[in-house]
C-alpha atoms as a PDB file:
ATOM      1  CA  UNK A   1     -99.794-110.036   6.167  1.00  0.00           C
ATOM      2  CA  UNK A   2    -102.244-107.954   4.105  1.00  0.00           C
ATOM      3  CA  UNK A   3    -101.545-106.087   0.927  1.00  0.00           C
ATOM      4  CA  UNK A   4    -101.654-102.827   2.897  1.00  0.00           C
ATOM      5  CA  UNK A   5     -98.487-103.917   4.797  1.00  0.00           C
ATOM      6  CA  UNK A   6     -96.448-104.256   1.572  1.00  0.00           C
ATOM      7  CA  UNK A   7     -94.757-101.144   0.181  1.00  0.00           C
ATOM      8  CA  UNK A   8     -96.585 -99.918  -2.847  1.00  0.00           C
ATOM      9  CA  UNK A   9     -93.525-100.080  -5.071  1.00  0.00           C
ATOM     10  CA  UNK A  10     -93.214-103.847  -4.365  1.00  0.00           C
ATOM     11  CA  UNK A  11     -96.773-104.705  -5.346  1.00  0.00           C
ATOM     12  CA  UNK A  12     -97.182-106.173  -8.851  1.00  0.00           C
ATOM     13  CA  UNK A  13     -99.134-104.006 -11.206  1.00  0.00           C
ATOM     14  CA  UNK A  14    -101.018-106.925 -12.710  1.00  0.00           C
ATOM     15  CA  UNK A  15    -101.373-110.687 -12.460  1.00  0.00           C
ATOM     16  CA  UNK A  16     -98.070-112.508 -12.944  1.00  0.00           C
ATOM     17  CA  UNK A  17     -98.915-115.422 -15.132  1.00  0.00           C
ATOM     18  CA  UNK A  18     -95.535-117.019 -14.489  1.00  0.00           C
ATOM     19  CA  UNK A  19     -96.426-118.056 -10.964  1.00  0.00           C
ATOM     20  CA  UNK A  20    -100.108-117.258 -10.684  1.00  0.00           C
ATOM     21  CA  UNK A  21     -99.814-114.014  -8.734  1.00  0.00           C
ATOM     22  CA  UNK A  22    -103.075-112.073  -8.404  1.00  0.00           C
ATOM     23  CA  UNK A  23    -102.580-108.352  -8.234  1.00  0.00           C
ATOM     24  CA  UNK A  24    -106.235-107.464  -7.606  1.00  0.00           C
ATOM     25  CA  UNK A  25    -108.637-109.355  -5.335  1.00  0.00           C
ATOM     26  CA  UNK A  26    -111.788-110.660  -6.924  1.00  0.00           C
ATOM     27  CA  UNK A  27    -114.446-113.270  -6.224  1.00  0.00           C
ATOM     28  CA  UNK A  28    -112.260-116.119  -7.455  1.00  0.00           C
ATOM     29  CA  UNK A  29    -109.144-114.893  -5.633  1.00  0.00           C
ATOM     30  CA  UNK A  30    -110.327-113.019  -2.522  1.00  0.00           C
ATOM     31  CA  UNK A  31    -106.739-112.392  -1.369  1.00  0.00           C
ATOM     32  CA  UNK A  32    -104.364-110.465  -3.514  1.00  0.00           C
ATOM     33  CA  UNK A  33    -100.898-111.917  -4.111  1.00  0.00           C
ATOM     34  CA  UNK A  34     -98.324-109.247  -3.333  1.00  0.00           C
ATOM     35  CA  UNK A  35     -95.704-111.057  -5.436  1.00  0.00           C
ATOM     36  CA  UNK A  36     -92.005-111.220  -4.686  1.00  0.00           C
ATOM     37  CA  UNK A  37     -90.036-108.234  -3.391  1.00  0.00           C
ATOM     38  CA  UNK A  38     -87.360-106.884  -5.713  1.00  0.00           C
ATOM     39  CA  UNK A  39     -84.085-108.733  -5.585  1.00  0.00           C
ATOM     40  CA  UNK A  40     -81.360-107.063  -3.523  1.00  0.00           C
ATOM     41  CA  UNK A  41     -77.801-107.742  -4.620  1.00  0.00           C
ATOM     42  CA  UNK A  42     -75.261-108.876  -2.073  1.00  0.00           C
ATOM     43  CA  UNK A  43     -71.895-107.217  -1.809  1.00  0.00           C
ATOM     44  CA  UNK A  44     -70.312-110.349  -3.282  1.00  0.00           C
ATOM     45  CA  UNK A  45     -72.489-109.928  -6.382  1.00  0.00           C
ATOM     46  CA  UNK A  46     -71.153-106.465  -7.155  1.00  0.00           C
ATOM     47  CA  UNK A  47     -67.658-106.527  -5.614  1.00  0.00           C
ATOM     48  CA  UNK A  48     -65.229-109.195  -6.805  1.00  0.00           C
ATOM     49  CA  UNK A  49     -62.913-108.460  -3.888  1.00  0.00           C
ATOM     50  CA  UNK A  50     -65.664-109.331  -1.452  1.00  0.00           C
ATOM     51  CA  UNK A  51     -66.372-112.491  -3.452  1.00  0.00           C
ATOM     52  CA  UNK A  52     -62.700-113.427  -3.213  1.00  0.00           C
ATOM     53  CA  UNK A  53     -62.790-112.914   0.554  1.00  0.00           C
ATOM     54  CA  UNK A  54     -65.789-115.196   0.827  1.00  0.00           C
ATOM     55  CA  UNK A  55     -64.051-117.734  -1.387  1.00  0.00           C
ATOM     56  CA  UNK A  56     -60.997-117.717   0.868  1.00  0.00           C
ATOM     57  CA  UNK A  57     -63.196-118.038   3.950  1.00  0.00           C
ATOM     58  CA  UNK A  58     -64.941-121.100   2.541  1.00  0.00           C
ATOM     59  CA  UNK A  59     -61.615-122.609   1.474  1.00  0.00           C
ATOM     60  CA  UNK A  60     -60.210-121.959   4.956  1.00  0.00           C
ATOM     61  CA  UNK A  61     -63.087-123.881   6.536  1.00  0.00           C
ATOM     62  CA  UNK A  62     -62.588-126.832   4.201  1.00  0.00           C
ATOM     63  CA  UNK A  63     -58.850-126.760   4.896  1.00  0.00           C
ATOM     64  CA  UNK A  64     -59.451-126.740   8.647  1.00  0.00           C
ATOM     65  CA  UNK A  65     -61.745-129.744   8.125  1.00  0.00           C
ATOM     66  CA  UNK A  66     -58.941-131.608   6.366  1.00  0.00           C
ATOM     67  CA  UNK A  67     -56.483-130.774   9.155  1.00  0.00           C
ATOM     68  CA  UNK A  68     -59.012-131.873  11.777  1.00  0.00           C
ATOM     69  CA  UNK A  69     -59.494-135.212  10.003  1.00  0.00           C
ATOM     70  CA  UNK A  70     -55.736-135.734   9.953  1.00  0.00           C
ATOM     71  CA  UNK A  71     -55.712-134.825  13.650  1.00  0.00           C
ATOM     72  CA  UNK A  72     -58.438-137.410  14.276  1.00  0.00           C
ATOM     73  CA  UNK A  73     -56.353-140.147  12.669  1.00  0.00           C
ATOM     74  CA  UNK A  74     -53.178-139.034  14.458  1.00  0.00           C
ATOM     75  CA  UNK A  75     -54.992-138.972  17.813  1.00  0.00           C
ATOM     76  CA  UNK A  76     -56.407-142.434  17.243  1.00  0.00           C
ATOM     77  CA  UNK A  77     -52.931-143.817  16.555  1.00  0.00           C
ATOM     78  CA  UNK A  78     -50.821-141.843  19.023  1.00  0.00           C
ATOM     79  CA  UNK A  79     -52.919-141.330  22.179  1.00  0.00           C
ATOM     80  CA  UNK A  80     -53.066-144.312  24.589  1.00  0.00           C
ATOM     81  CA  UNK A  81     -56.616-145.473  25.248  1.00  0.00           C
ATOM     82  CA  UNK A  82     -56.115-145.306  29.032  1.00  0.00           C
ATOM     83  CA  UNK A  83     -54.657-141.773  29.203  1.00  0.00           C
ATOM     84  CA  UNK A  84     -56.741-139.109  30.952  1.00  0.00           C
ATOM     85  CA  UNK A  85     -56.534-135.306  30.933  1.00  0.00           C
ATOM     86  CA  UNK A  86     -58.082-132.537  33.027  1.00  0.00           C
ATOM     87  CA  UNK A  87     -60.395-130.233  31.058  1.00  0.00           C
ATOM     88  CA  UNK A  88     -61.943-127.295  32.898  1.00  0.00           C
ATOM     89  CA  UNK A  89     -64.794-127.304  33.847  1.00  0.00           C
ATOM     90  CA  UNK A  90     -65.521-130.894  32.861  1.00  0.00           C
ATOM     91  CA  UNK A  91     -62.815-132.481  35.003  1.00  0.00           C
ATOM     92  CA  UNK A  92     -60.775-135.587  34.257  1.00  0.00           C
ATOM     93  CA  UNK A  93     -61.826-137.292  31.045  1.00  0.00           C
ATOM     94  CA  UNK A  94     -60.369-139.852  28.666  1.00  0.00           C
ATOM     95  CA  UNK A  95     -57.835-138.099  26.447  1.00  0.00           C
ATOM     96  CA  UNK A  96     -58.469-140.303  23.428  1.00  0.00           C
ATOM     97  CA  UNK A  97     -62.241-139.828  23.503  1.00  0.00           C
ATOM     98  CA  UNK A  98     -61.841-136.072  23.950  1.00  0.00           C
ATOM     99  CA  UNK A  99     -59.401-135.777  21.049  1.00  0.00           C
ATOM    100  CA  UNK A 100     -61.502-137.950  18.737  1.00  0.00           C
ATOM    101  CA  UNK A 101     -64.704-136.078  19.523  1.00  0.00           C
ATOM    102  CA  UNK A 102     -63.077-132.663  19.168  1.00  0.00           C
ATOM    103  CA  UNK A 103     -61.323-133.346  15.872  1.00  0.00           C
ATOM    104  CA  UNK A 104     -64.191-135.235  14.227  1.00  0.00           C
ATOM    105  CA  UNK A 105     -66.713-132.621  15.358  1.00  0.00           C
ATOM    106  CA  UNK A 106     -64.511-129.827  14.018  1.00  0.00           C
ATOM    107  CA  UNK A 107     -64.051-131.640  10.698  1.00  0.00           C
ATOM    108  CA  UNK A 108     -67.790-132.114  10.190  1.00  0.00           C
ATOM    109  CA  UNK A 109     -68.672-128.622  11.427  1.00  0.00           C
ATOM    110  CA  UNK A 110     -66.231-126.929   9.069  1.00  0.00           C
ATOM    111  CA  UNK A 111     -67.609-128.808   6.070  1.00  0.00           C
ATOM    112  CA  UNK A 112     -71.154-127.765   6.993  1.00  0.00           C
ATOM    113  CA  UNK A 113     -70.215-124.177   7.839  1.00  0.00           C
ATOM    114  CA  UNK A 114     -68.191-123.860   4.633  1.00  0.00           C
ATOM    115  CA  UNK A 115     -71.078-125.157   2.548  1.00  0.00           C
ATOM    116  CA  UNK A 116     -73.544-122.753   4.217  1.00  0.00           C
ATOM    117  CA  UNK A 117     -71.215-119.762   3.813  1.00  0.00           C
ATOM    118  CA  UNK A 118     -70.632-120.715   0.179  1.00  0.00           C
ATOM    119  CA  UNK A 119     -74.374-120.919  -0.505  1.00  0.00           C
ATOM    120  CA  UNK A 120     -75.213-117.641   1.269  1.00  0.00           C
ATOM    121  CA  UNK A 121     -72.454-115.499  -0.196  1.00  0.00           C
ATOM    122  CA  UNK A 122     -71.428-116.897  -3.595  1.00  0.00           C
ATOM    123  CA  UNK A 123     -74.185-119.071  -4.996  1.00  0.00           C
ATOM    124  CA  UNK A 124     -77.085-117.383  -6.763  1.00  0.00           C
ATOM    125  CA  UNK A 125     -79.788-116.231  -4.317  1.00  0.00           C
ATOM    126  CA  UNK A 126     -82.417-115.165  -6.833  1.00  0.00           C
ATOM    127  CA  UNK A 127     -85.815-116.504  -5.780  1.00  0.00           C
ATOM    128  CA  UNK A 128     -87.620-118.301  -8.565  1.00  0.00           C
ATOM    129  CA  UNK A 129     -91.329-119.123  -8.483  1.00  0.00           C
ATOM    130  CA  UNK A 130     -92.529-122.180 -10.332  1.00  0.00           C
ATOM    131  CA  UNK A 131     -95.938-123.669 -10.876  1.00  0.00           C
ATOM    132  CA  UNK A 132     -96.839-127.009  -9.356  1.00  0.00           C
ATOM    133  CA  UNK A 133     -96.833-129.791 -11.877  1.00  0.00           C
ATOM    134  CA  UNK A 134     -97.868-133.449 -12.085  1.00  0.00           C
ATOM    135  CA  UNK A 135     -95.585-136.018 -10.472  1.00  0.00           C
ATOM    136  CA  UNK A 136     -95.115-137.971 -13.660  1.00  0.00           C
ATOM    137  CA  UNK A 137     -91.750-137.401 -15.257  1.00  0.00           C
ATOM    138  CA  UNK A 138     -92.379-136.377 -18.816  1.00  0.00           C
ATOM    139  CA  UNK A 139     -89.719-135.684 -21.384  1.00  0.00           C
ATOM    140  CA  UNK A 140     -90.189-131.975 -20.826  1.00  0.00           C
ATOM    141  CA  UNK A 141     -89.708-132.398 -17.071  1.00  0.00           C
ATOM    142  CA  UNK A 142     -86.557-134.426 -17.483  1.00  0.00           C
ATOM    143  CA  UNK A 143     -85.205-131.894 -19.915  1.00  0.00           C
ATOM    144  CA  UNK A 144     -86.059-129.114 -17.473  1.00  0.00           C
ATOM    145  CA  UNK A 145     -84.346-130.964 -14.585  1.00  0.00           C
ATOM    146  CA  UNK A 146     -81.204-131.362 -16.638  1.00  0.00           C
ATOM    147  CA  UNK A 147     -81.333-127.725 -17.629  1.00  0.00           C
ATOM    148  CA  UNK A 148     -81.907-126.638 -14.028  1.00  0.00           C
ATOM    149  CA  UNK A 149     -79.018-128.803 -12.872  1.00  0.00           C
ATOM    150  CA  UNK A 150     -76.695-127.271 -15.412  1.00  0.00           C
ATOM    151  CA  UNK A 151     -77.909-123.818 -14.493  1.00  0.00           C
ATOM    152  CA  UNK A 152     -77.442-124.557 -10.780  1.00  0.00           C
ATOM    153  CA  UNK A 153     -73.935-125.846 -11.377  1.00  0.00           C
ATOM    154  CA  UNK A 154     -73.209-122.681 -13.312  1.00  0.00           C
ATOM    155  CA  UNK A 155     -74.652-120.426 -10.622  1.00  0.00           C
ATOM    156  CA  UNK A 156     -72.781-122.277  -7.867  1.00  0.00           C
ATOM    157  CA  UNK A 157     -69.591-120.939  -9.488  1.00  0.00           C
ATOM    158  CA  UNK A 158     -67.927-124.277  -8.701  1.00  0.00           C
ATOM    159  CA  UNK A 159     -66.248-124.234 -12.078  1.00  0.00           C
ATOM    160  CA  UNK A 160     -64.914-120.727 -11.674  1.00  0.00           C
ATOM    161  CA  UNK A 161     -64.047-120.872  -7.960  1.00  0.00           C
ATOM    162  CA  UNK A 162     -61.434-123.593  -8.217  1.00  0.00           C
ATOM    163  CA  UNK A 163     -60.042-122.944  -4.745  1.00  0.00           C
ATOM    164  CA  UNK A 164     -63.407-123.740  -3.139  1.00  0.00           C
ATOM    165  CA  UNK A 165     -63.936-126.755  -5.371  1.00  0.00           C
ATOM    166  CA  UNK A 166     -60.548-128.304  -4.667  1.00  0.00           C
ATOM    167  CA  UNK A 167     -60.627-127.743  -0.915  1.00  0.00           C
ATOM    168  CA  UNK A 168     -64.195-129.055  -0.697  1.00  0.00           C
ATOM    169  CA  UNK A 169     -63.218-132.228  -2.537  1.00  0.00           C
ATOM    170  CA  UNK A 170     -60.242-132.588  -0.218  1.00  0.00           C
ATOM    171  CA  UNK A 171     -62.385-132.219   2.901  1.00  0.00           C
ATOM    172  CA  UNK A 172     -65.046-134.656   1.652  1.00  0.00           C
ATOM    173  CA  UNK A 173     -62.339-137.146   0.672  1.00  0.00           C
ATOM    174  CA  UNK A 174     -60.567-137.104   4.029  1.00  0.00           C
ATOM    175  CA  UNK A 175     -63.599-137.206   6.348  1.00  0.00           C
ATOM    176  CA  UNK A 176     -64.510-140.850   5.507  1.00  0.00           C
ATOM    177  CA  UNK A 177     -61.019-141.855   6.656  1.00  0.00           C
ATOM    178  CA  UNK A 178     -62.242-141.185  10.193  1.00  0.00           C
ATOM    179  CA  UNK A 179     -64.567-144.154   9.874  1.00  0.00           C
ATOM    180  CA  UNK A 180     -61.924-146.304   8.212  1.00  0.00           C
ATOM    181  CA  UNK A 181     -59.426-145.968  11.051  1.00  0.00           C
ATOM    182  CA  UNK A 182     -62.152-146.926  13.533  1.00  0.00           C
ATOM    183  CA  UNK A 183     -61.939-150.417  12.067  1.00  0.00           C
ATOM    184  CA  UNK A 184     -58.809-150.807  14.167  1.00  0.00           C
ATOM    185  CA  UNK A 185     -61.088-151.360  17.158  1.00  0.00           C
ATOM    186  CA  UNK A 186     -62.142-154.673  15.629  1.00  0.00           C
ATOM    187  CA  UNK A 187     -58.995-156.042  17.242  1.00  0.00           C
ATOM    188  CA  UNK A 188     -55.235-155.640  17.316  1.00  0.00           C
ATOM    189  CA  UNK A 189     -53.291-156.168  14.146  1.00  0.00           C
ATOM    190  CA  UNK A 190     -51.967-159.746  14.021  1.00  0.00           C
ATOM    191  CA  UNK A 191     -48.600-158.667  12.568  1.00  0.00           C
ATOM    192  CA  UNK A 192     -46.396-161.807  12.640  1.00  0.00           C
ATOM    193  CA  UNK A 193     -48.039-163.340  15.712  1.00  0.00           C
ATOM    194  CA  UNK A 194     -49.951-165.940  13.715  1.00  0.00           C
ATOM    195  CA  UNK A 195     -46.793-167.190  12.024  1.00  0.00           C
ATOM    196  CA  UNK A 196     -44.711-167.874  15.128  1.00  0.00           C
ATOM    197  CA  UNK A 197     -45.089-169.777  18.401  1.00  0.00           C
ATOM    198  CA  UNK A 198     -43.020-170.091  21.590  1.00  0.00           C
ATOM    199  CA  UNK A 199     -41.121-173.017  20.138  1.00  0.00           C
ATOM    200  CA  UNK A 200     -37.485-172.336  19.307  1.00  0.00           C
ATOM    201  CA  UNK A 201     -34.224-174.250  19.105  1.00  0.00           C
ATOM    202  CA  UNK A 202     -33.380-175.836  22.459  1.00  0.00           C
ATOM    203  CA  UNK A 203     -36.874-175.519  24.027  1.00  0.00           C
ATOM    204  CA  UNK A 204     -37.670-178.649  26.034  1.00  0.00           C
ATOM    205  CA  UNK A 205     -40.893-180.597  25.443  1.00  0.00           C
ATOM    206  CA  UNK A 206     -42.800-180.530  28.750  1.00  0.00           C
ATOM    207  CA  UNK A 207     -45.561-183.029  29.541  1.00  0.00           C
ATOM    208  CA  UNK A 208     -48.867-181.148  29.924  1.00  0.00           C
ATOM    209  CA  UNK A 209     -50.061-183.482  32.689  1.00  0.00           C
ATOM    210  CA  UNK A 210     -46.923-183.886  34.827  1.00  0.00           C
ATOM    211  CA  UNK A 211     -45.265-180.562  33.936  1.00  0.00           C
ATOM    212  CA  UNK A 212     -41.970-182.460  33.598  1.00  0.00           C
ATOM    213  CA  UNK A 213     -39.580-182.533  30.610  1.00  0.00           C
ATOM    214  CA  UNK A 214     -40.043-185.553  28.376  1.00  0.00           C
ATOM    215  CA  UNK A 215     -37.421-188.203  27.686  1.00  0.00           C
ATOM    216  CA  UNK A 216     -37.688-190.622  24.753  1.00  0.00           C
ATOM    217  CA  UNK A 217     -38.339-193.426  27.219  1.00  0.00           C
ATOM    218  CA  UNK A 218     -41.455-191.602  28.464  1.00  0.00           C
ATOM    219  CA  UNK A 219     -43.155-192.015  25.082  1.00  0.00           C
ATOM    220  CA  UNK A 220     -44.274-195.578  24.350  1.00  0.00           C
ATOM    221  CA  UNK A 221     -45.234-196.916  20.944  1.00  0.00           C
ATOM    222  CA  UNK A 222     -48.948-196.334  20.364  1.00  0.00           C
ATOM    223  CA  UNK A 223     -49.269-193.742  23.146  1.00  0.00           C
ATOM    224  CA  UNK A 224     -50.446-190.144  22.780  1.00  0.00           C
ATOM    225  CA  UNK A 225     -48.834-187.430  24.916  1.00  0.00           C
ATOM    226  CA  UNK A 226     -49.572-183.719  24.971  1.00  0.00           C
ATOM    227  CA  UNK A 227     -46.693-181.299  25.412  1.00  0.00           C
ATOM    228  CA  UNK A 228     -46.043-177.583  25.817  1.00  0.00           C
ATOM    229  CA  UNK A 229     -42.920-175.422  25.539  1.00  0.00           C
ATOM    230  CA  UNK A 230     -40.554-175.152  28.477  1.00  0.00           C
ATOM    231  CA  UNK A 231     -41.273-172.064  30.587  1.00  0.00           C
ATOM    232  CA  UNK A 232     -44.962-171.687  29.703  1.00  0.00           C
ATOM    233  CA  UNK A 233     -47.095-171.894  32.854  1.00  0.00           C
ATOM    234  CA  UNK A 234     -50.858-171.747  33.292  1.00  0.00           C
ATOM    235  CA  UNK A 235     -50.670-168.709  35.555  1.00  0.00           C
ATOM    236  CA  UNK A 236     -48.753-166.714  32.929  1.00  0.00           C
ATOM    237  CA  UNK A 237     -50.448-163.758  31.291  1.00  0.00           C
ATOM    238  CA  UNK A 238     -51.535-164.756  27.805  1.00  0.00           C
ATOM    239  CA  UNK A 239     -51.204-168.489  28.517  1.00  0.00           C
ATOM    240  CA  UNK A 240     -54.343-169.369  26.548  1.00  0.00           C
ATOM    241  CA  UNK A 241     -53.200-167.438  23.483  1.00  0.00           C
ATOM    242  CA  UNK A 242     -49.769-169.059  23.500  1.00  0.00           C
ATOM    243  CA  UNK A 243     -50.886-172.623  24.209  1.00  0.00           C
ATOM    244  CA  UNK A 244     -53.458-172.304  21.428  1.00  0.00           C
ATOM    245  CA  UNK A 245     -50.533-172.064  19.001  1.00  0.00           C
ATOM    246  CA  UNK A 246     -47.862-174.157  20.714  1.00  0.00           C
ATOM    247  CA  UNK A 247     -49.767-177.235  21.959  1.00  0.00           C
ATOM    248  CA  UNK A 248     -48.215-180.488  20.694  1.00  0.00           C
ATOM    249  CA  UNK A 249     -49.271-184.072  20.131  1.00  0.00           C
ATOM    250  CA  UNK A 250     -46.404-186.526  20.768  1.00  0.00           C
ATOM    251  CA  UNK A 251     -46.754-190.047  19.389  1.00  0.00           C
ATOM    252  CA  UNK A 252     -44.274-192.848  18.829  1.00  0.00           C
ATOM    253  CA  UNK A 253     -44.491-194.859  15.629  1.00  0.00           C
ATOM    254  CA  UNK A 254     -42.239-197.631  14.449  1.00  0.00           C
ATOM    255  CA  UNK A 255     -39.824-195.945  12.015  1.00  0.00           C
ATOM    256  CA  UNK A 256     -40.644-198.554   9.371  1.00  0.00           C
ATOM    257  CA  UNK A 257     -44.310-197.466   9.520  1.00  0.00           C
ATOM    258  CA  UNK A 258     -43.587-193.798   8.806  1.00  0.00           C
ATOM    259  CA  UNK A 259     -44.422-193.180   5.152  1.00  0.00           C
ATOM    260  CA  UNK A 260     -43.331-189.560   4.786  1.00  0.00           C
ATOM    261  CA  UNK A 261     -39.603-188.993   4.354  1.00  0.00           C
ATOM    262  CA  UNK A 262     -39.506-185.544   5.945  1.00  0.00           C
ATOM    263  CA  UNK A 263     -41.581-186.725   8.892  1.00  0.00           C
ATOM    264  CA  UNK A 264     -39.030-189.451   9.544  1.00  0.00           C
ATOM    265  CA  UNK A 265     -36.137-186.987   9.307  1.00  0.00           C
ATOM    266  CA  UNK A 266     -37.802-184.590  11.757  1.00  0.00           C
ATOM    267  CA  UNK A 267     -38.579-187.323  14.282  1.00  0.00           C
ATOM    268  CA  UNK A 268     -36.394-188.999  16.910  1.00  0.00           C
ATOM    269  CA  UNK A 269     -36.458-192.789  16.997  1.00  0.00           C
ATOM    270  CA  UNK A 270     -40.041-192.745  15.668  1.00  0.00           C
ATOM    271  CA  UNK A 271     -41.193-190.035  18.098  1.00  0.00           C
ATOM    272  CA  UNK A 272     -43.015-187.358  16.101  1.00  0.00           C
ATOM    273  CA  UNK A 273     -44.447-184.036  17.258  1.00  0.00           C
ATOM    274  CA  UNK A 274     -47.391-182.441  15.468  1.00  0.00           C
ATOM    275  CA  UNK A 275     -49.506-179.389  16.250  1.00  0.00           C
ATOM    276  CA  UNK A 276     -52.556-180.246  18.327  1.00  0.00           C
ATOM    277  CA  UNK A 277     -54.594-177.487  16.673  1.00  0.00           C
ATOM    278  CA  UNK A 278     -56.903-178.602  13.868  1.00  0.00           C
ATOM    279  CA  UNK A 279     -56.332-176.783  10.597  1.00  0.00           C
ATOM    280  CA  UNK A 280     -60.073-176.400   9.999  1.00  0.00           C
ATOM    281  CA  UNK A 281     -61.335-174.037  12.733  1.00  0.00           C
ATOM    282  CA  UNK A 282     -58.723-174.507  15.447  1.00  0.00           C
ATOM    283  CA  UNK A 283     -60.278-177.155  17.688  1.00  0.00           C
ATOM    284  CA  UNK A 284     -57.887-179.213  19.868  1.00  0.00           C
ATOM    285  CA  UNK A 285     -57.336-182.724  18.537  1.00  0.00           C
ATOM    286  CA  UNK A 286     -57.343-185.519  21.118  1.00  0.00           C
ATOM    287  CA  UNK A 287     -58.737-188.729  19.562  1.00  0.00           C
ATOM    288  CA  UNK A 288     -56.008-191.159  18.448  1.00  0.00           C
ATOM    289  CA  UNK A 289     -56.301-194.585  16.813  1.00  0.00           C
ATOM    290  CA  UNK A 290     -53.249-196.683  17.663  1.00  0.00           C
ATOM    291  CA  UNK A 291     -53.612-199.229  14.852  1.00  0.00           C
ATOM    292  CA  UNK A 292     -54.058-196.744  12.011  1.00  0.00           C
ATOM    293  CA  UNK A 293     -52.140-193.785  13.517  1.00  0.00           C
ATOM    294  CA  UNK A 294     -55.084-191.584  12.645  1.00  0.00           C
ATOM    295  CA  UNK A 295     -56.141-188.623  14.803  1.00  0.00           C
ATOM    296  CA  UNK A 296     -59.678-187.271  14.721  1.00  0.00           C
ATOM    297  CA  UNK A 297     -60.846-183.725  15.446  1.00  0.00           C
ATOM    298  CA  UNK A 298     -63.996-183.985  17.606  1.00  0.00           C
ATOM    299  CA  UNK A 299     -65.534-180.789  16.215  1.00  0.00           C
ATOM    300  CA  UNK A 300     -66.060-181.626  12.531  1.00  0.00           C
ATOM    301  CA  UNK A 301     -64.443-185.045  12.167  1.00  0.00           C
ATOM    302  CA  UNK A 302     -61.381-183.960  10.205  1.00  0.00           C
ATOM    303  CA  UNK A 303     -59.010-186.945  10.196  1.00  0.00           C
ATOM    304  CA  UNK A 304     -55.232-186.818   9.827  1.00  0.00           C
ATOM    305  CA  UNK A 305     -52.736-189.634   9.197  1.00  0.00           C
ATOM    306  CA  UNK A 306     -49.791-189.142  11.585  1.00  0.00           C
ATOM    307  CA  UNK A 307     -47.773-191.815   9.794  1.00  0.00           C
ATOM    308  CA  UNK A 308     -47.939-189.898   6.513  1.00  0.00           C
ATOM    309  CA  UNK A 309     -47.038-186.306   7.364  1.00  0.00           C
ATOM    310  CA  UNK A 310     -50.376-185.738   9.172  1.00  0.00           C
ATOM    311  CA  UNK A 311     -52.094-185.234   5.829  1.00  0.00           C
ATOM    312  CA  UNK A 312     -55.881-184.876   5.723  1.00  0.00           C
ATOM    313  CA  UNK A 313     -57.660-188.092   4.798  1.00  0.00           C
ATOM    314  CA  UNK A 314     -61.210-187.050   5.723  1.00  0.00           C
ATOM    315  CA  UNK A 315     -63.211-183.989   6.693  1.00  0.00           C
ATOM    316  CA  UNK A 316     -63.197-180.256   5.958  1.00  0.00           C
ATOM    317  CA  UNK A 317     -59.635-179.419   7.077  1.00  0.00           C
ATOM    318  CA  UNK A 318     -57.703-177.783   4.289  1.00  0.00           C
ATOM    319  CA  UNK A 319     -54.139-178.863   4.943  1.00  0.00           C
ATOM    320  CA  UNK A 320     -51.959-181.175   7.038  1.00  0.00           C
ATOM    321  CA  UNK A 321     -50.998-180.574  10.649  1.00  0.00           C
ATOM    322  CA  UNK A 322     -47.666-178.737  10.966  1.00  0.00           C
ATOM    323  CA  UNK A 323     -44.823-180.872  12.314  1.00  0.00           C
ATOM    324  CA  UNK A 324     -42.231-179.711  14.849  1.00  0.00           C
ATOM    325  CA  UNK A 325     -38.687-180.886  14.294  1.00  0.00           C
ATOM    326  CA  UNK A 326     -37.352-182.466  17.494  1.00  0.00           C
ATOM    327  CA  UNK A 327     -34.190-184.060  18.856  1.00  0.00           C
ATOM    328  CA  UNK A 328     -32.517-184.973  22.158  1.00  0.00           C
ATOM    329  CA  UNK A 329     -30.176-182.710  24.133  1.00  0.00           C
ATOM    330  CA  UNK A 330     -27.044-183.715  26.065  1.00  0.00           C
ATOM    331  CA  UNK A 331     -29.135-184.509  29.142  1.00  0.00           C
ATOM    332  CA  UNK A 332     -31.362-186.928  27.252  1.00  0.00           C
ATOM    333  CA  UNK A 333     -34.495-184.733  27.109  1.00  0.00           C
ATOM    334  CA  UNK A 334     -36.594-184.147  24.008  1.00  0.00           C
ATOM    335  CA  UNK A 335     -36.125-180.640  22.651  1.00  0.00           C
ATOM    336  CA  UNK A 336     -37.333-178.583  19.716  1.00  0.00           C
ATOM    337  CA  UNK A 337     -34.905-177.838  16.919  1.00  0.00           C
ATOM    338  CA  UNK A 338     -36.779-174.703  15.866  1.00  0.00           C
ATOM    339  CA  UNK A 339     -40.262-173.331  15.401  1.00  0.00           C
ATOM    340  CA  UNK A 340     -42.949-174.712  13.097  1.00  0.00           C
ATOM    341  CA  UNK A 341     -42.107-174.211   9.453  1.00  0.00           C
ATOM    342  CA  UNK A 342     -45.627-172.913   8.726  1.00  0.00           C
ATOM    343  CA  UNK A 343     -48.393-171.196  10.721  1.00  0.00           C
ATOM    344  CA  UNK A 344     -50.428-173.544  12.899  1.00  0.00           C
ATOM    345  CA  UNK A 345     -54.199-173.793  12.999  1.00  0.00           C
ATOM    346  CA  UNK A 346     -56.710-172.644  10.381  1.00  0.00           C
ATOM    347  CA  UNK A 347     -55.560-170.962   7.193  1.00  0.00           C
ATOM    348  CA  UNK A 348     -55.849-167.215   6.864  1.00  0.00           C
ATOM    349  CA  UNK A 349     -55.856-165.013   3.776  1.00  0.00           C
ATOM    350  CA  UNK A 350     -52.284-163.728   4.215  1.00  0.00           C
ATOM    351  CA  UNK A 351     -50.843-167.170   4.777  1.00  0.00           C
ATOM    352  CA  UNK A 352     -47.873-167.764   2.535  1.00  0.00           C
END
């Protein structure tokens, strides 16, 4: 664009030393700088009612963003992951994905649209020319940056337009919650599942190899037998999850050799039942020394003394193996007298 294309009234009369504008072409500056056109006020600058309307519009967008974020969280919790809906003209799609995408997109869009509308209608739009300066940050530059920041904050009217400020903070506060609730996809909440197993009062101890209920006569001194709860079968859904908590080691020790008083009380004629799951990282324990009554975890060599409450005598395991209290029913079969008194397997941070 040449100087002839600029209206005469907008051309600077002389060189503007503030930003290096050249009003007249010469040998050093062959092209004249037409300067900046005069500033035109917006309706919001001269009419407070129009400014209020813009303020309410921006606040409405931020409010819609907050509602959309709440809708995102509600959809994530309430809509089944396998539910589908028909959306014209897309067709059948996953309802959860559609709801999450729609609400999150609306939340982000409204924050961006509100910020743009705020900047274009309420913030100062005066163009300011500034000379280029060295990159080094001198004291004068830092002072100028601080002054410009304060001036920008003042011109943004964020202090005076409290409705915009509060709704913007609300929208920016709620949007990150969308990412927080996505952490649920890391896995289902454990609830009380880690604290309980299938064992309960009256459940028979079933031999893992023969799938038959155990009698006291089936367990010889010095032998090691693995047991599971009555009614748990390998073809059952969730068998691996349940057996990983309920698997038992059954050993028979001479009552005089049992050192722990509670272990003796919870046993039947020297037959004791301990969890098979190592308390270090959950490996199954299967190595038994008859003479010492020690069991060894093959993964990291944690060693437990079954004659002394299954306490840890070597290795990285943090606590003893949980014991199951057992007895004999009227038919002469070994049965559980309840569940484990503490969670089986490795410790976890909520363990009480």
